[in-house]
Structures are given as structure tokens and as C-alpha cells.
Amino acid sequence: MIIIGFCRKTSKILPRLICRDMRHCAPIIPTRNGYILYQFVKHGQIYKIKLRKCDLARLQHFGWRFIMVQRRAHLADIHRTITCVALCKGVINLRAPLIQTPDQLMRVLVRRGGRIIYLTCGE
């Protein structure tokens, strides 16, 4: 299972111009001790951020949306990606070259059976 997080905010200029709703995405991998969010910063630079379930609930409170995808994570070539969308597609092993924006990725994942999930700290 992989969670893809989508956010409306970004520091990059191009997504602000071409994306309507969601402007950033990040893969989140569940681990025994919580979650790891792979944050794309720039080409070849990806930060691993450790999160707890309450942290995800806080992100959700600030406008993030989460989609659960029933696939295994592929983390082999993540440092070769050039966008956050390419990072997410690579982690879930989605071969779809026409998907270039977080909006498009979110719509495709929901259409292919991805579940939108809602998290709270008490769960």
C-alpha cells in the first residue's frame, strides 16, 4: 500500500500557472514506526520526512488530500526524477507519459480504484 498526498500549495512557479487545483504531490510509504514522505525538492534532491498518523491528519487539516493505492513501492530510481509527479508515478510504477500534473495524476488514480482516505489523530 502506498499513499499519494496532494496539496494545493507549492513554492514552484510553473505549477501555480498550469494547475487548477492540486499543485504538488508526494508519495508516502507506511513503515512499522509510522510513515515516510518522499518530498521532491529539485532534480536529484528528495528528502525523506518521517511522519506519524497525527502528522498526516494535520496535513489534511491544512488542505492535503490522500489517495491510497494498492501497489508495492518501487524506490530504485527515485533520485533521477525531475518533477513531483514523475516521482509519484515512479514509486507506484505507473507508466503514463501523458500525465504531467498533480491534477491529472489524482484523477487517474481515483478512476483506477485509488481510495481517498480521511485521517484523524484518534484512529
Protein backbone atom coordinates (compact mmCIF):
# COMPACT_ATOMS: atom_id res chain seq x y z
CA MET A 1 0.00 0.00 0.00
CA ILE A 2 1.19 3.48 -0.90
CA ILE A 3 -0.41 6.81 -0.09
CA ILE A 4 -0.08 9.70 -2.52
CA GLY A 5 -0.57 13.08 -0.90
CA PHE A 6 -1.78 16.05 -2.94
CA CYS A 7 -1.53 19.69 -1.93
CA ARG A 8 -2.77 22.98 -3.35
CA LYS A 9 0.31 24.93 -2.26
CA THR A 10 3.73 24.93 -3.87
CA SER A 11 6.80 27.12 -3.98
CA LYS A 12 7.32 26.45 -7.69
CA ILE A 13 6.02 28.97 -10.23
CA LEU A 14 5.08 26.67 -13.13
CA PRO A 15 2.57 24.52 -11.18
CA ARG A 16 0.89 27.69 -9.94
CA LEU A 17 0.31 28.72 -13.54
CA ILE A 18 -0.79 25.44 -15.15
CA CYS A 19 -2.52 23.50 -12.35
CA ARG A 20 -6.08 24.33 -11.36
CA ASP A 21 -6.49 22.61 -8.02
CA MET A 22 -3.69 20.34 -6.85
CA ARG A 23 -0.22 21.75 -7.44
CA HIS A 24 2.06 19.32 -5.63
CA CYS A 25 2.13 15.62 -4.83
CA ALA A 26 4.29 13.33 -2.72
CA PRO A 27 4.44 9.57 -2.15
CA ILE A 28 4.01 8.38 1.42
CA ILE A 29 5.17 4.89 2.35
CA PRO A 30 3.83 3.24 5.54
CA THR A 31 6.50 1.70 7.80
CA ARG A 32 6.40 -0.08 11.14
CA ASN A 33 7.05 3.16 13.02
CA GLY A 34 4.78 5.47 11.04
CA TYR A 35 5.17 6.88 7.54
CA ILE A 36 7.92 8.27 5.32
CA LEU A 37 7.04 11.12 2.98
CA TYR A 38 9.36 11.49 0.00
CA GLN A 39 9.47 15.23 -0.63
CA PHE A 40 10.66 16.27 -4.11
CA VAL A 41 12.69 19.48 -3.83
CA LYS A 42 14.50 19.67 -7.16
CA HIS A 43 16.08 17.32 -9.71
CA GLY A 44 18.12 14.75 -7.79
CA GLN A 45 17.14 16.10 -4.38
CA ILE A 46 14.49 14.21 -2.45
CA TYR A 47 14.04 14.47 1.31
CA LYS A 48 12.73 11.62 3.42
CA ILE A 49 10.47 13.01 6.15
CA LYS A 50 9.30 10.74 8.98
CA LEU A 51 5.65 11.24 9.92
CA ARG A 52 3.14 9.81 12.38
CA LYS A 53 -0.55 9.34 11.68
CA CYS A 54 -1.34 12.56 13.57
CA ASP A 55 1.10 14.41 11.30
CA LEU A 56 -0.84 13.19 8.27
CA ALA A 57 -4.08 14.31 9.92
CA ARG A 58 -2.57 17.77 10.45
CA LEU A 59 -1.51 17.95 6.80
CA GLN A 60 -5.06 17.01 5.86
CA HIS A 61 -6.33 19.83 8.07
CA PHE A 62 -4.14 22.23 6.04
CA GLY A 63 -5.61 21.13 2.70
CA TRP A 64 -3.75 17.97 1.74
CA ARG A 65 -5.73 15.10 0.23
CA PHE A 66 -4.60 11.49 0.40
CA ILE A 67 -5.26 8.65 -2.01
CA MET A 68 -4.42 5.07 -1.09
CA VAL A 69 -3.08 2.97 -3.94
CA GLN A 70 -2.82 -0.81 -3.63
CA ARG A 71 0.64 -1.23 -5.11
CA ARG A 72 4.11 -2.03 -3.88
CA ALA A 73 6.65 0.78 -3.70
CA HIS A 74 9.45 0.98 -6.27
CA LEU A 75 12.17 3.19 -4.82
CA ALA A 76 15.07 2.18 -7.08
CA ASP A 77 15.42 5.27 -9.31
CA ILE A 78 13.70 8.00 -7.32
CA HIS A 79 16.69 10.36 -7.46
CA ARG A 80 16.51 10.50 -11.26
CA THR A 81 13.07 12.11 -11.30
CA ILE A 82 12.61 15.69 -12.45
CA THR A 83 9.15 16.52 -11.02
CA CYS A 84 6.98 15.54 -8.08
CA VAL A 85 4.56 13.82 -10.48
CA ALA A 86 7.37 11.76 -12.02
CA LEU A 87 8.45 10.78 -8.51
CA CYS A 88 4.95 9.58 -7.59
CA LYS A 89 4.50 7.74 -10.89
CA GLY A 90 7.86 6.05 -10.43
CA VAL A 91 7.12 4.94 -6.87
CA ILE A 92 3.80 3.35 -7.87
CA ASN A 93 5.27 2.09 -11.17
CA LEU A 94 2.70 3.91 -13.31
CA ARG A 95 3.70 4.13 -16.96
CA ALA A 96 1.66 7.05 -18.27
CA PRO A 97 3.75 9.66 -20.11
CA LEU A 98 0.79 11.98 -20.74
CA ILE A 99 0.20 12.51 -17.02
CA GLN A 100 2.24 15.61 -16.19
CA THR A 101 0.38 17.50 -13.43
CA PRO A 102 -0.76 16.57 -9.93
CA ASP A 103 -4.37 17.23 -11.03
CA GLN A 104 -4.11 14.67 -13.82
CA LEU A 105 -2.42 12.12 -11.54
CA MET A 106 -5.11 12.47 -8.88
CA ARG A 107 -7.93 11.99 -11.41
CA VAL A 108 -6.27 8.91 -12.94
CA LEU A 109 -5.62 7.30 -9.55
CA VAL A 110 -9.23 7.79 -8.45
CA ARG A 111 -10.50 6.46 -11.78
CA ARG A 112 -8.29 3.37 -11.43
CA GLY A 113 -9.62 2.49 -7.99
CA GLY A 114 -7.50 4.59 -5.64
CA ARG A 115 -9.37 5.37 -2.43
CA ILE A 116 -9.48 8.88 -0.99
CA ILE A 117 -8.76 8.47 2.72
CA TYR A 118 -9.52 10.73 5.68
CA LEU A 119 -7.32 10.56 8.74
CA THR A 120 -7.76 11.68 12.33
CA CYS A 121 -5.34 11.54 15.24
CA GLY A 122 -7.64 9.29 17.26
CA GLU A 123 -7.70 6.41 14.76
